[in-house]
Structures are given as C-alpha cells and as structure tokens.
Amino acid sequence: MYSFEISTRGRDEMVEVTAQVRQAVKESGVSEGYAIVYCPHTTAGIAINENADPDVVRDVLRRFDEVFPWEHPKDRHAEGNTAAHLKAITTGTSQTVLIDNGRLVLGTWQGIYFCEFDGPRTRRFYVKIVRG
C-alpha cells in the first residue's frame, strides 16, 4: 500500500492527485488490475472529475457550499463543521480505477481529486494496487 501526505491551503479545496496514483501504479509493476484510492478522514473525500477546466472545480465547490452551507441554524455538531461531514459523505471515501497495460483507465478529461472540506490541514490518502 502507498501512503501520500497532502497539505491543503483552504477550507474547501480539490487537489488533483492523479500523478501520485499513476506513480504508485508504475512502482507496483502491476499491468492488469485496479487501484483503490482511499481517504481516512471524515471531513475529506476522493472524487474523479474533469481536470481540464479549472472552472469545474470552482463550480463544484461553490455548489457544495450552496447545498451544505457552513453555518446552519439547526446544526448541533459541537465542532461546527457539519457541512464538511456532509460534503465528505456526498463525495465518498474512495474511488476504484481500473489498470490496463500498466496504466490507469481514465477518460480524456478525468482526474483523481483529494477533496478537502475542513482545511487547511495536513492530510493523508492511500493507494492500494490490486493485481487481477
């Protein structure tokens, strides 16, 4: 298993980590199988989305804020970060990407993102490469 540390700069941020996942695949030597990208945090997640137009990331984060506002009068969670938990639940904790001929199977415009919803923080994510 591969472990990567990431430092985020803002409360909400999507950091592309495709290069790190590709490096893990390369180092593993696996030519056929899949990569599981996993986030062990309750206020962050992993997503696959467009990586060509930066406006997509900005729009996604803006819309998350519209759906899950940071301050809500009925939130009771003592830390005050209920919105971050909801965004993480929506995004999910992991993504599975196929490996074919030693390469990630991603669409032309797809990238893998670490999604921070309660930063800035130093976080960790994991990549497990499975042969098969």
Protein backbone atom coordinates (compact mmCIF):
# COMPACT_ATOMS: atom_id res chain seq x y z
CA MET A 1 0.00 0.00 0.00
CA TYR A 2 1.17 3.51 -0.82
CA SER A 3 0.67 6.46 1.51
CA PHE A 4 0.72 10.11 0.46
CA GLU A 5 0.70 13.25 2.59
CA ILE A 6 -1.07 16.32 1.31
CA SER A 7 -1.29 19.84 2.76
CA THR A 8 -4.34 21.85 1.87
CA ARG A 9 -4.46 25.64 1.92
CA GLY A 10 -8.16 26.43 2.15
CA ARG A 11 -11.29 25.32 3.95
CA ASP A 12 -12.65 23.79 0.74
CA GLU A 13 -10.22 22.62 -1.92
CA MET A 14 -9.96 19.93 -4.58
CA VAL A 15 -6.35 18.87 -5.16
CA GLU A 16 -5.59 16.73 -8.17
CA VAL A 17 -3.66 13.61 -7.11
CA THR A 18 -3.70 11.68 -10.41
CA ALA A 19 0.09 11.90 -10.73
CA GLN A 20 0.63 10.31 -7.31
CA VAL A 21 -1.75 7.46 -8.15
CA ARG A 22 -0.03 6.92 -11.52
CA GLN A 23 3.33 6.78 -9.75
CA ALA A 24 2.01 4.13 -7.35
CA VAL A 25 0.79 2.05 -10.31
CA LYS A 26 4.17 2.38 -12.00
CA GLU A 27 6.11 1.44 -8.87
CA SER A 28 3.84 -1.55 -8.23
CA GLY A 29 4.66 -3.15 -11.57
CA VAL A 30 1.03 -4.28 -11.90
CA SER A 31 -0.10 -4.31 -15.53
CA GLU A 32 -3.70 -5.52 -15.05
CA GLY A 33 -5.86 -4.85 -12.03
CA TYR A 34 -7.16 -1.85 -10.18
CA ALA A 35 -6.13 0.97 -7.87
CA ILE A 36 -8.17 1.87 -4.83
CA VAL A 37 -7.67 5.47 -3.70
CA TYR A 38 -8.84 5.89 -0.10
CA CYS A 39 -9.24 8.84 2.28
CA PRO A 40 -9.34 8.01 6.03
CA HIS A 41 -10.82 11.37 7.09
CA THR A 42 -14.45 12.19 7.95
CA THR A 43 -14.28 15.72 6.50
CA ALA A 44 -12.49 14.95 3.22
CA GLY A 45 -13.08 12.63 0.30
CA ILE A 46 -11.87 11.28 -3.04
CA ALA A 47 -13.52 12.11 -6.39
CA ILE A 48 -12.97 11.58 -10.08
CA ASN A 49 -13.92 14.58 -12.17
CA GLU A 50 -12.87 16.84 -15.02
CA ASN A 51 -9.28 18.03 -14.80
CA ALA A 52 -9.09 20.23 -17.92
CA ASP A 53 -11.20 23.26 -16.99
CA PRO A 54 -10.46 24.72 -13.52
CA ASP A 55 -13.90 26.34 -13.53
CA VAL A 56 -15.41 22.88 -12.97
CA VAL A 57 -13.64 22.56 -9.59
CA ARG A 58 -14.66 26.11 -8.63
CA ASP A 59 -18.26 25.40 -9.64
CA VAL A 60 -18.36 22.11 -7.72
CA LEU A 61 -17.07 23.75 -4.54
CA ARG A 62 -19.48 26.69 -4.93
CA ARG A 63 -22.45 24.37 -5.42
CA PHE A 64 -21.43 22.24 -2.42
CA ASP A 65 -21.49 25.45 -0.35
CA GLU A 66 -24.97 26.24 -1.66
CA VAL A 67 -26.30 22.80 -0.77
CA PHE A 68 -24.37 22.47 2.51
CA PRO A 69 -23.82 25.98 3.95
CA TRP A 70 -21.08 26.21 6.55
CA GLU A 71 -23.39 27.80 9.11
CA HIS A 72 -26.87 26.41 9.54
CA PRO A 73 -29.12 27.39 12.48
CA LYS A 74 -30.17 23.79 13.17
CA ASP A 75 -26.69 22.20 13.18
CA ARG A 76 -25.81 20.81 16.61
CA HIS A 77 -22.35 19.31 15.99
CA ALA A 78 -20.07 20.97 18.56
CA GLU A 79 -17.11 21.40 16.19
CA GLY A 80 -19.26 23.45 13.83
CA ASN A 81 -18.18 21.55 10.72
CA THR A 82 -21.34 19.62 9.87
CA ALA A 83 -21.15 20.94 6.29
CA ALA A 84 -17.71 19.35 5.90
CA HIS A 85 -19.06 15.98 7.03
CA LEU A 86 -21.99 16.20 4.61
CA LYS A 87 -19.71 17.13 1.69
CA ALA A 88 -17.41 14.21 2.53
CA ILE A 89 -20.35 11.79 2.68
CA THR A 90 -21.51 13.05 -0.71
CA THR A 91 -18.05 12.73 -2.27
CA GLY A 92 -17.25 9.38 -0.70
CA THR A 93 -14.13 7.99 0.91
CA SER A 94 -12.70 6.12 -2.07
CA GLN A 95 -12.57 5.59 -5.81
CA THR A 96 -11.58 2.47 -7.73
CA VAL A 97 -9.74 2.92 -11.03
CA LEU A 98 -9.01 0.11 -13.47
CA ILE A 99 -5.43 -0.59 -14.57
CA ASP A 100 -4.87 -1.85 -18.10
CA ASN A 101 -1.42 -2.36 -19.64
CA GLY A 102 0.14 -0.71 -16.59
CA ARG A 103 -1.90 2.48 -16.98
CA LEU A 104 -4.88 3.96 -15.19
CA VAL A 105 -8.07 3.73 -17.21
CA LEU A 106 -9.39 7.29 -17.03
CA GLY A 107 -11.39 9.28 -19.55
CA THR A 108 -9.72 12.01 -21.59
CA TRP A 109 -10.80 14.77 -19.21
CA GLN A 110 -10.80 12.82 -15.93
CA GLY A 111 -8.53 13.35 -12.95
CA ILE A 112 -8.48 12.00 -9.39
CA TYR A 113 -9.01 14.56 -6.65
CA PHE A 114 -8.44 14.74 -2.91
CA CYS A 115 -11.37 16.85 -1.70
CA GLU A 116 -10.73 18.91 1.43
CA PHE A 117 -13.80 20.27 3.20
CA ASP A 118 -12.41 21.32 6.61
CA GLY A 119 -8.99 22.79 5.96
CA PRO A 120 -6.42 23.93 5.83
CA ARG A 121 -4.88 20.74 7.16
CA THR A 122 -2.18 18.18 6.58
CA ARG A 123 -3.91 15.01 5.46
CA ARG A 124 -3.08 11.56 4.18
CA PHE A 125 -4.56 9.36 1.49
CA TYR A 126 -3.75 5.78 0.50
CA VAL A 127 -3.48 3.86 -2.75
CA LYS A 128 -3.82 0.08 -2.83
CA ILE A 129 -2.87 -1.62 -6.07
CA VAL A 130 -4.56 -4.97 -6.68
CA ARG A 131 -3.38 -7.38 -9.36
CA GLY A 132 -6.01 -9.15 -11.35
